[in-house]
Amino acid sequence: MGMRRILGLALAAVTLAGVSAVGAVSAGAAPSPNISREECTAAGGQIVARPYAGYTCALPDGTQQAIT
């Protein structure tokens, strides 16, 4: 009976660690906040038109943000 308990606790710990890792990855992939055209140009970015998807701001650091 003790061996089952140990295996159950180990399985629970591994499952919890997996869920925590998935949560951390999901949080890192959160979308960037939207910015305005004025903020884009003030930050040195270029406004890029995407067919059927609106406009984005291509910033000098290589990131893109949706324009509101």
N, C-alpha and C. Protein backbone atom coordinates (compact mmCIF):
# COMPACT_ATOMS: atom_id res chain seq x y z
N MET A 1 0.82 -1.19 0.00
CA MET A 1 0.00 0.00 0.00
C MET A 1 0.87 1.26 0.00
N GLY A 2 2.02 1.22 0.64
CA GLY A 2 2.90 2.38 0.70
C GLY A 2 3.48 2.72 -0.67
N MET A 3 3.75 1.68 -1.46
CA MET A 3 4.32 1.91 -2.79
C MET A 3 3.32 2.62 -3.70
N ARG A 4 2.06 2.27 -3.62
CA ARG A 4 1.04 2.94 -4.42
C ARG A 4 0.92 4.41 -4.04
N ARG A 5 1.01 4.70 -2.78
CA ARG A 5 0.92 6.08 -2.31
C ARG A 5 2.09 6.89 -2.84
N ILE A 6 3.30 6.33 -2.79
CA ILE A 6 4.48 7.03 -3.29
C ILE A 6 4.36 7.28 -4.79
N LEU A 7 3.93 6.27 -5.54
CA LEU A 7 3.76 6.44 -6.98
C LEU A 7 2.68 7.48 -7.30
N GLY A 8 1.61 7.47 -6.52
CA GLY A 8 0.54 8.45 -6.71
C GLY A 8 1.02 9.87 -6.46
N LEU A 9 1.81 10.05 -5.40
CA LEU A 9 2.35 11.38 -5.11
C LEU A 9 3.33 11.83 -6.19
N ALA A 10 4.15 10.90 -6.67
CA ALA A 10 5.09 11.24 -7.73
C ALA A 10 4.35 11.64 -9.01
N LEU A 11 3.30 10.91 -9.35
CA LEU A 11 2.51 11.22 -10.53
C LEU A 11 1.82 12.58 -10.38
N ALA A 12 1.32 12.86 -9.20
CA ALA A 12 0.67 14.16 -8.96
C ALA A 12 1.67 15.30 -9.09
N ALA A 13 2.89 15.10 -8.59
CA ALA A 13 3.91 16.14 -8.67
C ALA A 13 4.31 16.39 -10.12
N VAL A 14 4.46 15.33 -10.90
CA VAL A 14 4.83 15.48 -12.30
C VAL A 14 3.71 16.17 -13.08
N THR A 15 2.47 15.82 -12.80
CA THR A 15 1.33 16.45 -13.47
C THR A 15 1.27 17.94 -13.13
N LEU A 16 1.47 18.28 -11.88
CA LEU A 16 1.44 19.67 -11.45
C LEU A 16 2.57 20.46 -12.11
N ALA A 17 3.75 19.87 -12.22
CA ALA A 17 4.87 20.55 -12.87
C ALA A 17 4.57 20.77 -14.35
N GLY A 18 3.93 19.80 -15.00
CA GLY A 18 3.57 19.94 -16.41
C GLY A 18 2.57 21.05 -16.62
N VAL A 19 1.57 21.14 -15.74
CA VAL A 19 0.56 22.19 -15.85
C VAL A 19 1.20 23.55 -15.62
N SER A 20 2.14 23.65 -14.69
CA SER A 20 2.82 24.92 -14.43
C SER A 20 3.65 25.35 -15.63
N ALA A 21 4.31 24.40 -16.27
CA ALA A 21 5.12 24.73 -17.45
C ALA A 21 4.25 25.21 -18.59
N VAL A 22 3.10 24.58 -18.79
CA VAL A 22 2.18 25.00 -19.86
C VAL A 22 1.66 26.40 -19.57
N GLY A 23 1.35 26.69 -18.32
CA GLY A 23 0.87 28.01 -17.95
C GLY A 23 1.92 29.09 -18.19
N ALA A 24 3.18 28.77 -17.90
CA ALA A 24 4.26 29.74 -18.11
C ALA A 24 4.46 30.01 -19.59
N VAL A 25 4.38 28.99 -20.41
CA VAL A 25 4.54 29.17 -21.85
C VAL A 25 3.38 29.98 -22.39
N SER A 26 2.16 29.71 -21.94
CA SER A 26 0.99 30.45 -22.41
C SER A 26 1.09 31.92 -22.02
N ALA A 27 1.57 32.19 -20.82
CA ALA A 27 1.69 33.57 -20.38
C ALA A 27 2.73 34.31 -21.20
N GLY A 28 3.79 33.64 -21.60
CA GLY A 28 4.82 34.27 -22.41
C GLY A 28 4.34 34.57 -23.81
N ALA A 29 3.35 33.85 -24.27
CA ALA A 29 2.85 34.04 -25.63
C ALA A 29 1.66 34.97 -25.70
N ALA A 30 1.47 35.74 -24.66
CA ALA A 30 0.34 36.67 -24.66
C ALA A 30 0.53 37.71 -25.75
N PRO A 31 -0.55 38.12 -26.38
CA PRO A 31 -0.44 39.10 -27.46
C PRO A 31 0.02 40.46 -26.96
N SER A 32 0.69 41.20 -27.83
CA SER A 32 1.15 42.54 -27.49
C SER A 32 -0.03 43.49 -27.45
N PRO A 33 0.06 44.53 -26.66
CA PRO A 33 -1.04 45.51 -26.64
C PRO A 33 -1.07 46.30 -27.94
N ASN A 34 -2.23 46.78 -28.29
CA ASN A 34 -2.38 47.58 -29.50
C ASN A 34 -1.85 48.99 -29.27
N ILE A 35 -1.34 49.60 -30.34
CA ILE A 35 -0.87 50.97 -30.25
C ILE A 35 -1.50 51.78 -31.38
N SER A 36 -1.41 53.09 -31.27
CA SER A 36 -1.98 53.95 -32.31
C SER A 36 -0.93 54.23 -33.38
N ARG A 37 -1.37 54.80 -34.50
CA ARG A 37 -0.45 55.16 -35.59
C ARG A 37 0.58 56.18 -35.10
N GLU A 38 0.14 57.14 -34.30
CA GLU A 38 1.04 58.17 -33.79
C GLU A 38 2.12 57.56 -32.89
N GLU A 39 1.72 56.64 -32.02
CA GLU A 39 2.68 55.98 -31.14
C GLU A 39 3.68 55.15 -31.94
N CYS A 40 3.21 54.54 -33.02
CA CYS A 40 4.06 53.72 -33.87
C CYS A 40 5.16 54.56 -34.51
N THR A 41 4.76 55.66 -35.14
CA THR A 41 5.75 56.49 -35.80
C THR A 41 6.67 57.18 -34.80
N ALA A 42 6.14 57.54 -33.62
CA ALA A 42 6.97 58.16 -32.59
C ALA A 42 8.04 57.19 -32.08
N ALA A 43 7.73 55.90 -32.10
CA ALA A 43 8.69 54.89 -31.65
C ALA A 43 9.65 54.47 -32.75
N GLY A 44 9.53 55.08 -33.92
CA GLY A 44 10.42 54.76 -35.03
C GLY A 44 9.96 53.58 -35.86
N GLY A 45 8.70 53.19 -35.71
CA GLY A 45 8.18 52.04 -36.45
C GLY A 45 7.58 52.43 -37.79
N GLN A 46 7.30 51.40 -38.58
CA GLN A 46 6.66 51.60 -39.88
C GLN A 46 5.29 50.93 -39.86
N ILE A 47 4.32 51.56 -40.48
CA ILE A 47 2.97 51.00 -40.57
C ILE A 47 2.93 50.06 -41.77
N VAL A 48 2.53 48.82 -41.52
CA VAL A 48 2.51 47.80 -42.56
C VAL A 48 1.07 47.33 -42.75
N ALA A 49 0.60 47.32 -44.01
CA ALA A 49 -0.75 46.83 -44.33
C ALA A 49 -0.70 45.32 -44.52
N ARG A 50 -1.62 44.60 -43.87
CA ARG A 50 -1.76 43.16 -44.04
C ARG A 50 -3.07 42.90 -44.75
N PRO A 51 -3.05 42.19 -45.88
CA PRO A 51 -4.30 41.93 -46.60
C PRO A 51 -5.33 41.21 -45.72
N TYR A 52 -6.51 41.73 -45.68
CA TYR A 52 -7.64 41.17 -44.93
C TYR A 52 -7.42 41.13 -43.42
N ALA A 53 -6.37 41.77 -42.92
CA ALA A 53 -6.11 41.70 -41.49
C ALA A 53 -5.81 43.07 -40.88
N GLY A 54 -5.93 44.12 -41.63
CA GLY A 54 -5.70 45.45 -41.07
C GLY A 54 -4.25 45.87 -41.13
N TYR A 55 -3.85 46.72 -40.19
CA TYR A 55 -2.51 47.29 -40.19
C TYR A 55 -1.76 46.88 -38.93
N THR A 56 -0.44 46.78 -39.06
CA THR A 56 0.42 46.52 -37.92
C THR A 56 1.54 47.55 -37.92
N CYS A 57 2.18 47.66 -36.79
CA CYS A 57 3.34 48.53 -36.64
C CYS A 57 4.57 47.65 -36.53
N ALA A 58 5.49 47.77 -37.48
CA ALA A 58 6.75 47.03 -37.43
C ALA A 58 7.77 47.91 -36.72
N LEU A 59 8.14 47.53 -35.51
CA LEU A 59 9.06 48.32 -34.72
C LEU A 59 10.51 47.98 -35.06
N PRO A 60 11.45 48.89 -34.77
CA PRO A 60 12.86 48.65 -35.10
C PRO A 60 13.46 47.41 -34.45
N ASP A 61 12.92 46.98 -33.29
CA ASP A 61 13.47 45.79 -32.62
C ASP A 61 12.98 44.49 -33.23
N GLY A 62 12.16 44.57 -34.29
CA GLY A 62 11.69 43.37 -34.98
C GLY A 62 10.31 42.87 -34.55
N THR A 63 9.73 43.48 -33.53
CA THR A 63 8.39 43.07 -33.09
C THR A 63 7.33 43.78 -33.92
N GLN A 64 6.13 43.22 -33.91
CA GLN A 64 5.00 43.84 -34.59
C GLN A 64 3.83 43.92 -33.62
N GLN A 65 3.11 45.02 -33.67
CA GLN A 65 1.94 45.23 -32.84
C GLN A 65 0.78 45.68 -33.71
N ALA A 66 -0.40 45.24 -33.33
CA ALA A 66 -1.61 45.65 -34.06
C ALA A 66 -1.88 47.13 -33.79
N ILE A 67 -2.38 47.81 -34.81
CA ILE A 67 -2.70 49.23 -34.69
C ILE A 67 -4.19 49.37 -34.40
N THR A 68 -4.51 50.20 -33.42
CA THR A 68 -5.92 50.44 -33.08
C THR A 68 -6.50 51.52 -33.94
